[in-house]
Amino acid sequence: MQEQTLYIDDMVCYRCILVVEQLLKEAGWKILEIELGYVRAIPPTANISLQGLSDGLRKVGLRLRQDGHNLITQVKGIIIEYVYDDLATMDIPLSEIIVREVEMSYSYVSRHFSSSEQRTIEEFYQLHRIERAKRLLFQTNTNIKSVAQRLKYKSPGHFSASFRKLTGETPSDFRAKGNYKPQPIDKL
C-alpha cells in the first residue's frame, strides 16, 4: 500500500492528535507520522474511501481537508504548543520557530494567516498567552513574576501591562475575583 498524507483542520492540541490517532487505528490505518494538522499513514486498502474518516473527524470537531496542506492549522498548532511548553526556549523568536517548522517565509505566512483569520499571528499569540495566564492565575498560587516567565514575557511589568490591555484588569485583580471560566483553546 502507498502512504498518504492527510491534512486535518482544527487540530490544536495533543488531545486532537490522540483522537485522530484513535480514529485512524480503528479504521485500520498504519500511522507513520502524526503532527498538528497532518498525518502520514498507510490506508488499510488501496482504494479506500475517506468519507467514513471524514465523518468521524467531523463528529469530534475536526475536518479532513480535501484540498491539501493547511498552513493556518499548522501555525496555530505551533503557537499553542509554544505557549503551553514551559521548557520552550526564549532564545529563538516565535516567528523564527514558525519559519523553521513550515519552511516558508514569515511574511508569506503572516499575510496568509491574517487574510484567513482576520487577525495577525501576534494577536492570536497574545490571546493564547493571556488565556494561559488566566488559567495559571486562577488554578495555581504561582506568583505573577513566575507566570510572566512561564509565558515568555520580558518582565513582570510587560506581562501586567499586556494582561491589563487585553482584559481591563491587572493580574492581581483578576486572581482576587476568583470567577474565571476557562475558554477552549481551539475557540480563541
C-alpha atoms as a PDB file:
ATOM      1  CA  MET A   1       0.000   0.000   0.000  1.00  0.00           C
ATOM      2  CA  GLN A   2       1.129   3.511  -0.702  1.00  0.00           C
ATOM      3  CA  GLU A   3       1.313   6.037   2.112  1.00  0.00           C
ATOM      4  CA  GLN A   4      -0.993   9.041   2.108  1.00  0.00           C
ATOM      5  CA  THR A   5      -0.735  12.419   3.748  1.00  0.00           C
ATOM      6  CA  LEU A   6      -3.985  13.654   5.232  1.00  0.00           C
ATOM      7  CA  TYR A   7      -4.439  17.276   6.259  1.00  0.00           C
ATOM      8  CA  ILE A   8      -6.813  17.873   9.124  1.00  0.00           C
ATOM      9  CA  ASP A   9      -8.205  21.264  10.089  1.00  0.00           C
ATOM     10  CA  ASP A  10      -8.705  22.438  13.665  1.00  0.00           C
ATOM     11  CA  MET A  11      -6.124  20.176  15.318  1.00  0.00           C
ATOM     12  CA  VAL A  12      -4.724  22.413  18.037  1.00  0.00           C
ATOM     13  CA  CYS A  13      -3.530  20.234  20.900  1.00  0.00           C
ATOM     14  CA  TYR A  14      -2.188  16.844  21.847  1.00  0.00           C
ATOM     15  CA  ARG A  15      -5.680  15.565  22.628  1.00  0.00           C
ATOM     16  CA  CYS A  16      -6.552  16.234  18.999  1.00  0.00           C
ATOM     17  CA  ILE A  17      -3.593  14.107  17.968  1.00  0.00           C
ATOM     18  CA  LEU A  18      -4.768  11.286  20.241  1.00  0.00           C
ATOM     19  CA  VAL A  19      -8.317  11.429  18.862  1.00  0.00           C
ATOM     20  CA  VAL A  20      -7.123  11.377  15.247  1.00  0.00           C
ATOM     21  CA  GLU A  21      -4.720   8.551  16.027  1.00  0.00           C
ATOM     22  CA  GLN A  22      -7.533   6.522  17.601  1.00  0.00           C
ATOM     23  CA  LEU A  23      -9.911   7.128  14.678  1.00  0.00           C
ATOM     24  CA  LEU A  24      -7.291   6.088  12.133  1.00  0.00           C
ATOM     25  CA  LYS A  25      -6.273   2.971  14.039  1.00  0.00           C
ATOM     26  CA  GLU A  26      -9.923   1.923  14.412  1.00  0.00           C
ATOM     27  CA  ALA A  27     -10.278   2.306  10.645  1.00  0.00           C
ATOM     28  CA  GLY A  28      -7.232   0.082  10.062  1.00  0.00           C
ATOM     29  CA  TRP A  29      -4.685   2.739   9.063  1.00  0.00           C
ATOM     30  CA  LYS A  30      -0.995   2.329   9.900  1.00  0.00           C
ATOM     31  CA  ILE A  31       0.261   5.666  11.201  1.00  0.00           C
ATOM     32  CA  LEU A  32       3.769   6.689  10.160  1.00  0.00           C
ATOM     33  CA  GLU A  33       3.763  10.250  11.484  1.00  0.00           C
ATOM     34  CA  ILE A  34       1.173  12.455  13.135  1.00  0.00           C
ATOM     35  CA  GLU A  35       1.504  16.146  13.912  1.00  0.00           C
ATOM     36  CA  LEU A  36      -0.871  19.020  14.429  1.00  0.00           C
ATOM     37  CA  GLY A  37      -2.618  19.498  11.098  1.00  0.00           C
ATOM     38  CA  TYR A  38      -1.480  16.384   9.245  1.00  0.00           C
ATOM     39  CA  VAL A  39      -0.975  12.635   9.312  1.00  0.00           C
ATOM     40  CA  ARG A  40       1.211  10.403   7.151  1.00  0.00           C
ATOM     41  CA  ALA A  41      -0.269   6.926   7.134  1.00  0.00           C
ATOM     42  CA  ILE A  42      -0.849   3.807   5.107  1.00  0.00           C
ATOM     43  CA  PRO A  43      -4.524   3.044   4.432  1.00  0.00           C
ATOM     44  CA  PRO A  44      -5.939  -0.436   5.089  1.00  0.00           C
ATOM     45  CA  THR A  45      -6.764  -0.939   1.379  1.00  0.00           C
ATOM     46  CA  ALA A  46      -5.523   0.595  -1.844  1.00  0.00           C
ATOM     47  CA  ASN A  47      -8.808   2.218  -2.902  1.00  0.00           C
ATOM     48  CA  ILE A  48     -10.109   3.488   0.414  1.00  0.00           C
ATOM     49  CA  SER A  49     -12.927   5.997   0.662  1.00  0.00           C
ATOM     50  CA  LEU A  50     -12.146   8.847   3.003  1.00  0.00           C
ATOM     51  CA  GLN A  51     -15.823   9.615   3.653  1.00  0.00           C
ATOM     52  CA  GLY A  52     -16.061   7.452   6.803  1.00  0.00           C
ATOM     53  CA  LEU A  53     -12.928   9.023   8.218  1.00  0.00           C
ATOM     54  CA  SER A  54     -14.183  12.479   7.308  1.00  0.00           C
ATOM     55  CA  ASP A  55     -17.483  11.793   9.097  1.00  0.00           C
ATOM     56  CA  GLY A  56     -15.671  10.506  12.187  1.00  0.00           C
ATOM     57  CA  LEU A  57     -13.469  13.579  12.322  1.00  0.00           C
ATOM     58  CA  ARG A  58     -16.442  15.896  11.893  1.00  0.00           C
ATOM     59  CA  LYS A  59     -18.139  14.287  14.914  1.00  0.00           C
ATOM     60  CA  VAL A  60     -15.250  15.343  17.139  1.00  0.00           C
ATOM     61  CA  GLY A  61     -14.971  18.868  15.732  1.00  0.00           C
ATOM     62  CA  LEU A  62     -12.223  18.245  13.200  1.00  0.00           C
ATOM     63  CA  ARG A  63     -12.315  18.363   9.423  1.00  0.00           C
ATOM     64  CA  LEU A  64     -10.491  16.376   6.793  1.00  0.00           C
ATOM     65  CA  ARG A  65      -9.104  18.871   4.332  1.00  0.00           C
ATOM     66  CA  GLN A  66      -9.606  17.702   0.771  1.00  0.00           C
ATOM     67  CA  ASP A  67      -7.511  20.386  -0.889  1.00  0.00           C
ATOM     68  CA  GLY A  68      -4.131  19.640   0.642  1.00  0.00           C
ATOM     69  CA  HIS A  69      -1.895  21.390   3.146  1.00  0.00           C
ATOM     70  CA  ASN A  70      -3.437  23.634   5.797  1.00  0.00           C
ATOM     71  CA  LEU A  71      -0.901  26.239   6.749  1.00  0.00           C
ATOM     72  CA  ILE A  72      -3.217  28.013   9.203  1.00  0.00           C
ATOM     73  CA  THR A  73      -3.817  24.894  11.297  1.00  0.00           C
ATOM     74  CA  GLN A  74      -0.098  24.204  11.398  1.00  0.00           C
ATOM     75  CA  VAL A  75       0.741  27.761  12.505  1.00  0.00           C
ATOM     76  CA  LYS A  76      -1.956  27.697  15.194  1.00  0.00           C
ATOM     77  CA  GLY A  77      -0.586  24.410  16.480  1.00  0.00           C
ATOM     78  CA  ILE A  78       2.954  25.797  16.636  1.00  0.00           C
ATOM     79  CA  ILE A  79       1.781  28.847  18.577  1.00  0.00           C
ATOM     80  CA  ILE A  80      -0.318  26.859  21.034  1.00  0.00           C
ATOM     81  CA  GLU A  81       2.488  24.380  21.610  1.00  0.00           C
ATOM     82  CA  TYR A  82       4.890  27.287  22.211  1.00  0.00           C
ATOM     83  CA  VAL A  83       2.534  28.952  24.720  1.00  0.00           C
ATOM     84  CA  TYR A  84       1.940  25.779  26.693  1.00  0.00           C
ATOM     85  CA  ASP A  85       5.540  24.490  26.618  1.00  0.00           C
ATOM     86  CA  ASP A  86       7.214  25.801  29.761  1.00  0.00           C
ATOM     87  CA  LEU A  87      10.534  24.447  28.549  1.00  0.00           C
ATOM     88  CA  ALA A  88      10.483  26.211  25.170  1.00  0.00           C
ATOM     89  CA  THR A  89      13.429  28.482  24.755  1.00  0.00           C
ATOM     90  CA  MET A  90      13.119  32.239  24.771  1.00  0.00           C
ATOM     91  CA  ASP A  91      16.336  32.492  22.773  1.00  0.00           C
ATOM     92  CA  ILE A  92      14.551  31.833  19.494  1.00  0.00           C
ATOM     93  CA  PRO A  93      11.732  34.197  18.480  1.00  0.00           C
ATOM     94  CA  LEU A  94       8.359  32.608  17.749  1.00  0.00           C
ATOM     95  CA  SER A  95       8.498  33.957  14.191  1.00  0.00           C
ATOM     96  CA  GLU A  96      11.725  32.026  13.589  1.00  0.00           C
ATOM     97  CA  ILE A  97      10.218  28.841  15.025  1.00  0.00           C
ATOM     98  CA  ILE A  98       7.251  29.210  12.676  1.00  0.00           C
ATOM     99  CA  VAL A  99       9.544  29.734   9.660  1.00  0.00           C
ATOM    100  CA  ARG A 100      11.582  26.644  10.555  1.00  0.00           C
ATOM    101  CA  GLU A 101       8.507  24.465  11.016  1.00  0.00           C
ATOM    102  CA  VAL A 102       6.521  25.492   7.927  1.00  0.00           C
ATOM    103  CA  GLU A 103       9.539  26.114   5.697  1.00  0.00           C
ATOM    104  CA  MET A 104       8.084  29.303   4.224  1.00  0.00           C
ATOM    105  CA  SER A 105       8.928  32.968   4.622  1.00  0.00           C
ATOM    106  CA  TYR A 106       7.419  34.681   7.632  1.00  0.00           C
ATOM    107  CA  SER A 107       5.977  37.476   5.501  1.00  0.00           C
ATOM    108  CA  TYR A 108       4.076  34.948   3.367  1.00  0.00           C
ATOM    109  CA  VAL A 109       2.838  33.024   6.402  1.00  0.00           C
ATOM    110  CA  SER A 110       1.846  36.225   8.171  1.00  0.00           C
ATOM    111  CA  ARG A 111      -0.121  37.595   5.188  1.00  0.00           C
ATOM    112  CA  HIS A 112      -1.846  34.241   4.642  1.00  0.00           C
ATOM    113  CA  PHE A 113      -2.724  33.931   8.340  1.00  0.00           C
ATOM    114  CA  SER A 114      -4.062  37.497   8.580  1.00  0.00           C
ATOM    115  CA  SER A 115      -6.142  37.166   5.437  1.00  0.00           C
ATOM    116  CA  SER A 116      -7.623  33.839   6.533  1.00  0.00           C
ATOM    117  CA  GLU A 117      -8.159  34.627  10.226  1.00  0.00           C
ATOM    118  CA  GLN A 118      -8.861  38.383  10.126  1.00  0.00           C
ATOM    119  CA  ARG A 119      -6.239  38.841  12.848  1.00  0.00           C
ATOM    120  CA  THR A 120      -2.482  38.740  12.987  1.00  0.00           C
ATOM    121  CA  ILE A 121      -0.268  35.943  14.238  1.00  0.00           C
ATOM    122  CA  GLU A 122       0.735  38.255  17.100  1.00  0.00           C
ATOM    123  CA  GLU A 123      -2.899  38.823  18.106  1.00  0.00           C
ATOM    124  CA  PHE A 124      -3.548  35.067  18.090  1.00  0.00           C
ATOM    125  CA  TYR A 125      -0.383  34.514  20.126  1.00  0.00           C
ATOM    126  CA  GLN A 126      -1.336  37.179  22.667  1.00  0.00           C
ATOM    127  CA  LEU A 127      -4.850  35.753  23.104  1.00  0.00           C
ATOM    128  CA  HIS A 128      -3.375  32.375  23.946  1.00  0.00           C
ATOM    129  CA  ARG A 129      -0.764  33.808  26.279  1.00  0.00           C
ATOM    130  CA  ILE A 130      -3.402  35.716  28.197  1.00  0.00           C
ATOM    131  CA  GLU A 131      -5.746  32.709  28.327  1.00  0.00           C
ATOM    132  CA  ARG A 132      -2.922  30.590  29.739  1.00  0.00           C
ATOM    133  CA  ALA A 133      -2.076  33.374  32.193  1.00  0.00           C
ATOM    134  CA  LYS A 134      -5.692  33.391  33.381  1.00  0.00           C
ATOM    135  CA  ARG A 135      -5.551  29.639  33.935  1.00  0.00           C
ATOM    136  CA  LEU A 136      -2.306  29.886  35.869  1.00  0.00           C
ATOM    137  CA  LEU A 137      -3.563  32.780  37.975  1.00  0.00           C
ATOM    138  CA  PHE A 138      -6.848  31.035  38.733  1.00  0.00           C
ATOM    139  CA  GLN A 139      -5.709  27.432  39.180  1.00  0.00           C
ATOM    140  CA  THR A 140      -2.345  27.906  40.914  1.00  0.00           C
ATOM    141  CA  ASN A 141      -0.684  30.066  43.534  1.00  0.00           C
ATOM    142  CA  THR A 142       2.179  30.815  41.144  1.00  0.00           C
ATOM    143  CA  ASN A 143       3.391  34.369  41.659  1.00  0.00           C
ATOM    144  CA  ILE A 144       2.999  36.916  38.898  1.00  0.00           C
ATOM    145  CA  LYS A 145       6.740  37.053  38.179  1.00  0.00           C
ATOM    146  CA  SER A 146       6.784  33.275  37.586  1.00  0.00           C
ATOM    147  CA  VAL A 147       3.669  33.450  35.399  1.00  0.00           C
ATOM    148  CA  ALA A 148       5.372  36.147  33.314  1.00  0.00           C
ATOM    149  CA  GLN A 149       8.481  33.982  32.935  1.00  0.00           C
ATOM    150  CA  ARG A 150       6.500  30.864  32.002  1.00  0.00           C
ATOM    151  CA  LEU A 151       4.708  32.834  29.295  1.00  0.00           C
ATOM    152  CA  LYS A 152       7.982  34.217  27.943  1.00  0.00           C
ATOM    153  CA  TYR A 153       7.370  37.892  28.793  1.00  0.00           C
ATOM    154  CA  LYS A 154      10.482  40.018  29.108  1.00  0.00           C
ATOM    155  CA  SER A 155       9.428  41.290  32.546  1.00  0.00           C
ATOM    156  CA  PRO A 156       6.545  41.092  35.037  1.00  0.00           C
ATOM    157  CA  GLY A 157       5.735  44.716  34.186  1.00  0.00           C
ATOM    158  CA  HIS A 158       5.398  43.898  30.480  1.00  0.00           C
ATOM    159  CA  PHE A 159       3.175  40.936  31.349  1.00  0.00           C
ATOM    160  CA  SER A 160       0.973  43.044  33.649  1.00  0.00           C
ATOM    161  CA  ALA A 161       0.606  45.773  31.021  1.00  0.00           C
ATOM    162  CA  SER A 162      -0.345  43.234  28.316  1.00  0.00           C
ATOM    163  CA  PHE A 163      -2.765  41.481  30.664  1.00  0.00           C
ATOM    164  CA  ARG A 164      -4.445  44.760  31.600  1.00  0.00           C
ATOM    165  CA  LYS A 165      -4.641  45.889  27.970  1.00  0.00           C
ATOM    166  CA  LEU A 166      -6.430  42.688  26.889  1.00  0.00           C
ATOM    167  CA  THR A 167      -8.590  42.056  29.983  1.00  0.00           C
ATOM    168  CA  GLY A 168      -9.132  45.501  31.505  1.00  0.00           C
ATOM    169  CA  GLU A 169      -7.720  44.438  34.880  1.00  0.00           C
ATOM    170  CA  THR A 170      -4.406  43.646  36.497  1.00  0.00           C
ATOM    171  CA  PRO A 171      -3.321  40.043  37.070  1.00  0.00           C
ATOM    172  CA  SER A 172      -3.710  40.570  40.841  1.00  0.00           C
ATOM    173  CA  ASP A 173      -7.246  41.934  40.465  1.00  0.00           C
ATOM    174  CA  PHE A 174      -8.141  39.047  38.171  1.00  0.00           C
ATOM    175  CA  ARG A 175      -6.842  36.492  40.677  1.00  0.00           C
ATOM    176  CA  ALA A 176      -8.646  38.186  43.573  1.00  0.00           C
ATOM    177  CA  LYS A 177     -12.020  37.981  41.775  1.00  0.00           C
ATOM    178  CA  GLY A 178     -11.745  34.199  41.506  1.00  0.00           C
ATOM    179  CA  ASN A 179     -14.553  33.726  38.992  1.00  0.00           C
ATOM    180  CA  TYR A 180     -12.780  32.571  35.858  1.00  0.00           C
ATOM    181  CA  LYS A 181     -14.296  30.126  33.367  1.00  0.00           C
ATOM    182  CA  PRO A 182     -11.670  28.619  31.038  1.00  0.00           C
ATOM    183  CA  GLN A 183     -12.109  29.150  27.314  1.00  0.00           C
ATOM    184  CA  PRO A 184     -11.488  26.250  24.915  1.00  0.00           C
ATOM    185  CA  ILE A 185      -8.154  26.932  23.238  1.00  0.00           C
ATOM    186  CA  ASP A 186      -9.493  25.980  19.829  1.00  0.00           C
ATOM    187  CA  LYS A 187     -12.142  28.724  20.084  1.00  0.00           C
ATOM    188  CA  LEU A 188      -9.810  31.665  20.802  1.00  0.00           C
END
